[in-house]
Amino acid sequence: MKNTLLLLCEGASIDKKTGQWSLFNHIETFTVDDPQKENFSIRGRFTVVSFWAKEDGDENKFFEVKHQFTGPQGEPLIDDSGIDIEVKKESRILKQRFKTNRIPFKGEGIYHLEAFVREKGDDKYEKAARVPIKLAYKK
């Protein structure tokens, strides 16, 4: 499976009739008014959205997808437990979302949102996508 979209936003809704997704307030940068000390969280309603495209030979296979939010040194700050996906013959694009009510930070810098995938039963996840998220202080 190939990752075709990975982003952090403030929300996502899915139209029950059409299955179309609406994504709200895509986030690339968090700006904090006052410099904080290490280890603080920004609270809110955040959604990680990832879209996956099936590749040749993926039909009728099971995959596990997981997401991480990592700090400037690559340390995991949020690590979801993984989501199972069955790739059905009629599937073309598979869509996932992961919700959280806080984003942890250790100070100013570049953080990363990452998506991983593995075929069910494999030992190791493969990194499929990595998106930078910046934390900056107002000056």
Protein backbone atom coordinates (compact mmCIF):
# COMPACT_ATOMS: atom_id res chain seq x y z
CA MET A 1 0.00 0.00 0.00
CA LYS A 2 1.17 3.48 -0.81
CA ASN A 3 0.43 6.59 1.26
CA THR A 4 -1.05 9.36 -0.90
CA LEU A 5 -2.01 11.92 1.76
CA LEU A 6 -0.97 12.61 5.34
CA LEU A 7 -1.97 15.74 7.22
CA LEU A 8 -2.96 17.18 10.57
CA CYS A 9 -6.16 19.21 10.74
CA GLU A 10 -8.69 20.43 13.27
CA GLY A 11 -11.39 18.13 12.02
CA ALA A 12 -12.76 15.91 9.30
CA SER A 13 -16.33 15.01 8.45
CA ILE A 14 -17.57 12.28 6.16
CA ASP A 15 -20.75 12.70 4.14
CA LYS A 16 -22.87 9.60 4.83
CA LYS A 17 -24.47 9.63 1.37
CA THR A 18 -21.42 10.17 -0.82
CA GLY A 19 -18.53 9.08 1.40
CA GLN A 20 -16.74 12.34 0.53
CA TRP A 21 -14.46 13.82 3.18
CA SER A 22 -14.30 17.46 4.26
CA LEU A 23 -11.12 18.49 6.07
CA PHE A 24 -11.04 21.58 8.28
CA ASN A 25 -8.12 23.88 9.07
CA HIS A 26 -5.04 22.05 7.84
CA ILE A 27 -2.18 22.65 10.33
CA GLU A 28 1.45 23.12 9.30
CA THR A 29 2.58 25.44 12.11
CA PHE A 30 1.61 26.03 15.73
CA THR A 31 2.45 29.51 17.04
CA VAL A 32 2.62 29.98 20.81
CA ASP A 33 2.28 33.47 22.39
CA ASP A 34 4.76 33.06 25.24
CA PRO A 35 7.83 30.88 25.21
CA GLN A 36 7.00 27.76 27.20
CA LYS A 37 9.27 25.56 29.17
CA GLU A 38 9.83 22.01 28.01
CA ASN A 39 7.09 19.41 27.94
CA PHE A 40 3.77 21.16 27.37
CA SER A 41 0.72 20.31 25.28
CA ILE A 42 -1.54 22.29 23.01
CA ARG A 43 -5.09 21.15 23.63
CA GLY A 44 -7.83 21.03 21.02
CA ARG A 45 -9.56 18.68 18.65
CA PHE A 46 -7.00 17.37 16.19
CA THR A 47 -7.39 14.78 13.46
CA VAL A 48 -4.64 12.96 11.60
CA VAL A 49 -5.86 12.00 8.13
CA SER A 50 -4.14 9.49 5.90
CA PHE A 51 -5.18 8.16 2.50
CA TRP A 52 -3.74 4.94 1.10
CA ALA A 53 -3.76 3.65 -2.47
CA LYS A 54 -3.73 -0.02 -3.23
CA GLU A 55 -0.91 -1.27 -5.42
CA ASP A 56 -0.80 -4.27 -7.73
CA GLY A 57 -0.96 -7.47 -5.68
CA ASP A 58 -2.53 -5.84 -2.60
CA GLU A 59 -6.02 -7.28 -3.18
CA ASN A 60 -7.40 -9.47 -0.38
CA LYS A 61 -4.46 -8.69 1.91
CA PHE A 62 -4.59 -7.27 5.41
CA PHE A 63 -2.40 -4.36 6.45
CA GLU A 64 -1.74 -2.49 9.69
CA VAL A 65 -1.35 1.28 9.61
CA LYS A 66 -0.10 3.44 12.47
CA HIS A 67 0.77 7.09 12.99
CA GLN A 68 3.38 8.84 15.14
CA PHE A 69 4.03 12.43 16.11
CA THR A 70 7.75 12.80 16.75
CA GLY A 71 9.84 15.50 18.41
CA PRO A 72 12.78 17.42 16.92
CA GLN A 73 15.16 14.61 17.90
CA GLY A 74 12.89 11.92 16.38
CA GLU A 75 11.48 10.76 19.73
CA PRO A 76 7.85 9.53 19.58
CA LEU A 77 5.46 11.87 21.44
CA ILE A 78 2.19 10.32 20.19
CA ASP A 79 2.09 6.75 18.93
CA ASP A 80 -1.26 5.24 18.03
CA SER A 81 -1.69 1.51 18.47
CA GLY A 82 -2.32 0.76 14.81
CA ILE A 83 -5.40 0.17 12.68
CA ASP A 84 -6.13 -2.95 10.64
CA ILE A 85 -7.09 -2.46 6.99
CA GLU A 86 -8.45 -5.10 4.64
CA VAL A 87 -7.79 -4.32 0.99
CA LYS A 88 -10.84 -5.55 -0.89
CA LYS A 89 -10.85 -6.13 -4.62
CA GLU A 90 -13.15 -3.16 -5.29
CA SER A 91 -11.12 -0.79 -3.07
CA ARG A 92 -8.94 1.86 -4.71
CA ILE A 93 -8.31 4.40 -1.96
CA LEU A 94 -8.50 3.59 1.74
CA LYS A 95 -9.00 6.48 4.15
CA GLN A 96 -8.01 6.59 7.83
CA ARG A 97 -8.34 9.12 10.59
CA PHE A 98 -6.91 9.22 14.08
CA LYS A 99 -8.20 11.74 16.62
CA THR A 100 -6.40 13.26 19.60
CA ASN A 101 -7.25 16.08 22.01
CA ARG A 102 -3.68 17.25 22.56
CA ILE A 103 -0.38 17.68 20.76
CA PRO A 104 2.67 17.44 23.05
CA PHE A 105 5.72 19.65 22.51
CA LYS A 106 9.18 19.91 24.06
CA GLY A 107 9.93 23.44 22.84
CA GLU A 108 10.43 25.34 19.62
CA GLY A 109 11.45 23.31 16.57
CA ILE A 110 10.40 21.08 13.69
CA TYR A 111 8.29 18.07 14.64
CA HIS A 112 7.04 15.36 12.30
CA LEU A 113 3.83 13.52 11.65
CA GLU A 114 4.65 10.05 10.32
CA ALA A 115 2.63 7.18 8.85
CA PHE A 116 3.77 3.55 8.85
CA VAL A 117 2.40 0.42 7.19
CA ARG A 118 3.06 -3.29 7.35
CA GLU A 119 1.41 -6.38 5.99
CA LYS A 120 -0.43 -8.18 8.79
CA GLY A 121 1.92 -10.72 10.34
CA ASP A 122 5.13 -8.88 9.42
CA ASP A 123 7.40 -7.89 12.29
CA LYS A 124 8.41 -4.42 11.15
CA TYR A 125 6.51 -1.35 10.01
CA GLU A 126 7.80 0.60 7.00
CA LYS A 127 7.71 4.40 7.06
CA ALA A 128 5.28 5.46 4.33
CA ALA A 129 5.10 9.25 4.83
CA ARG A 130 6.62 12.05 6.91
CA VAL A 131 5.25 15.61 7.17
CA PRO A 132 6.93 18.48 9.09
CA ILE A 133 4.93 20.40 11.71
CA LYS A 134 6.58 23.55 13.09
CA LEU A 135 6.26 24.98 16.60
CA ALA A 136 7.25 28.64 16.75
CA TYR A 137 7.08 31.38 19.38
CA LYS A 138 5.56 34.78 18.59
CA LYS A 139 8.24 37.44 18.70
